Amino acid sequence: MTLSKLEKYLNILEVLVSWPLEFENILYQVDERSSVLKNYLDFLISHNLVEKLPLDGKVVVYTITDKGLSLLTTMQGQDYLGKHENLLRIYEE
């Protein structure tokens, strides 16, 4: 099944929840072409969902922002509710 752009953005945010990662580590975890991942990261950065941080002059890591974490949490909650909508109806009756 092919993921939508939104699902790919959310996958990147999920990967960054635990700790900041270098580009190559993100690339490995999301299994995307590097040029495509760069575009996705640029989009997330431009919307203040991800931040690009220099570490030791040479090393750059990407980290999720508070706004990105808030979006991810909201989307995961909606996904959970959507998957369990039938159960919620049973409890309401």
Protein backbone atom coordinates (compact mmCIF):
# COMPACT_ATOMS: atom_id res chain seq x y z
CA MET A 1 0.00 0.00 0.00
CA THR A 2 1.33 3.40 -0.97
CA LEU A 3 1.38 5.99 1.79
CA SER A 4 -0.09 9.45 1.27
CA LYS A 5 2.10 12.52 1.70
CA LEU A 6 0.46 13.18 5.05
CA GLU A 7 1.27 9.66 6.23
CA LYS A 8 4.88 10.11 5.11
CA TYR A 9 5.15 13.41 6.99
CA LEU A 10 3.71 11.74 10.09
CA ASN A 11 6.17 8.85 9.75
CA ILE A 12 9.06 11.31 9.77
CA LEU A 13 7.66 13.01 12.87
CA GLU A 14 7.23 9.63 14.58
CA VAL A 15 10.85 8.74 13.85
CA LEU A 16 11.99 12.01 15.43
CA VAL A 17 9.90 11.70 18.61
CA SER A 18 12.46 9.67 20.55
CA TRP A 19 15.57 11.71 19.79
CA PRO A 20 17.18 13.96 17.17
CA LEU A 21 18.60 12.09 14.20
CA GLU A 22 20.99 12.69 11.34
CA PHE A 23 19.62 12.66 7.81
CA GLU A 24 21.00 9.20 7.05
CA ASN A 25 19.31 7.69 10.11
CA ILE A 26 15.96 9.19 9.13
CA LEU A 27 16.49 7.98 5.57
CA TYR A 28 17.05 4.43 6.78
CA GLN A 29 14.03 4.42 9.09
CA VAL A 30 11.49 5.89 6.66
CA ASP A 31 12.81 4.00 3.62
CA GLU A 32 12.57 6.89 1.18
CA ARG A 33 14.83 8.24 -1.56
CA SER A 34 17.18 10.93 -0.25
CA SER A 35 15.93 13.64 -2.63
CA VAL A 36 12.32 12.97 -1.62
CA LEU A 37 13.19 12.91 2.08
CA LYS A 38 15.03 16.22 1.72
CA ASN A 39 11.90 17.79 0.22
CA TYR A 40 9.73 16.38 3.01
CA LEU A 41 12.12 17.66 5.68
CA ASP A 42 12.26 21.09 4.02
CA PHE A 43 8.46 21.21 4.09
CA LEU A 44 8.32 20.18 7.76
CA ILE A 45 11.01 22.74 8.64
CA SER A 46 9.21 25.52 6.74
CA HIS A 47 6.09 24.83 8.82
CA ASN A 48 8.03 24.75 12.12
CA LEU A 49 7.26 21.06 12.70
CA VAL A 50 10.91 19.99 12.53
CA GLU A 51 14.09 21.89 13.36
CA LYS A 52 17.52 21.40 11.80
CA LEU A 53 20.30 21.76 14.39
CA PRO A 54 24.09 21.81 13.99
CA LEU A 55 25.93 19.69 16.56
CA ASP A 56 29.70 19.73 16.13
CA GLY A 57 30.13 21.98 13.15
CA LYS A 58 29.96 19.07 10.72
CA VAL A 59 27.09 17.03 12.14
CA VAL A 60 23.51 18.19 11.61
CA VAL A 61 20.53 16.59 13.31
CA TYR A 62 16.80 16.99 12.85
CA THR A 63 14.45 17.20 15.81
CA ILE A 64 10.70 17.45 16.21
CA THR A 65 9.42 20.79 17.55
CA ASP A 66 6.67 21.30 20.12
CA LYS A 67 4.34 22.20 17.25
CA GLY A 68 5.31 19.00 15.41
CA LEU A 69 4.73 16.92 18.53
CA SER A 70 1.34 18.54 19.04
CA LEU A 71 0.34 17.82 15.44
CA LEU A 72 1.54 14.22 15.67
CA THR A 73 -0.33 13.63 18.93
CA THR A 74 -3.52 15.11 17.48
CA MET A 75 -3.30 13.05 14.30
CA GLN A 76 -2.58 9.84 16.21
CA GLY A 77 -5.59 10.53 18.44
CA GLN A 78 -7.84 11.04 15.43
CA ASP A 79 -6.51 7.87 13.83
CA TYR A 80 -7.18 5.93 17.04
CA LEU A 81 -10.72 7.28 17.26
CA GLY A 82 -11.37 6.46 13.62
CA LYS A 83 -10.22 2.89 14.08
CA HIS A 84 -12.33 2.44 17.20
CA GLU A 85 -15.42 4.35 16.10
CA ASN A 86 -17.63 1.25 16.21
CA LEU A 87 -16.62 0.54 19.81
CA LEU A 88 -17.47 4.10 20.78
CA ARG A 89 -20.95 3.73 19.27
CA ILE A 90 -21.57 0.56 21.29
CA TYR A 91 -20.66 2.34 24.53
CA GLU A 92 -22.90 5.30 23.68
CA GLU A 93 -25.97 3.06 23.26
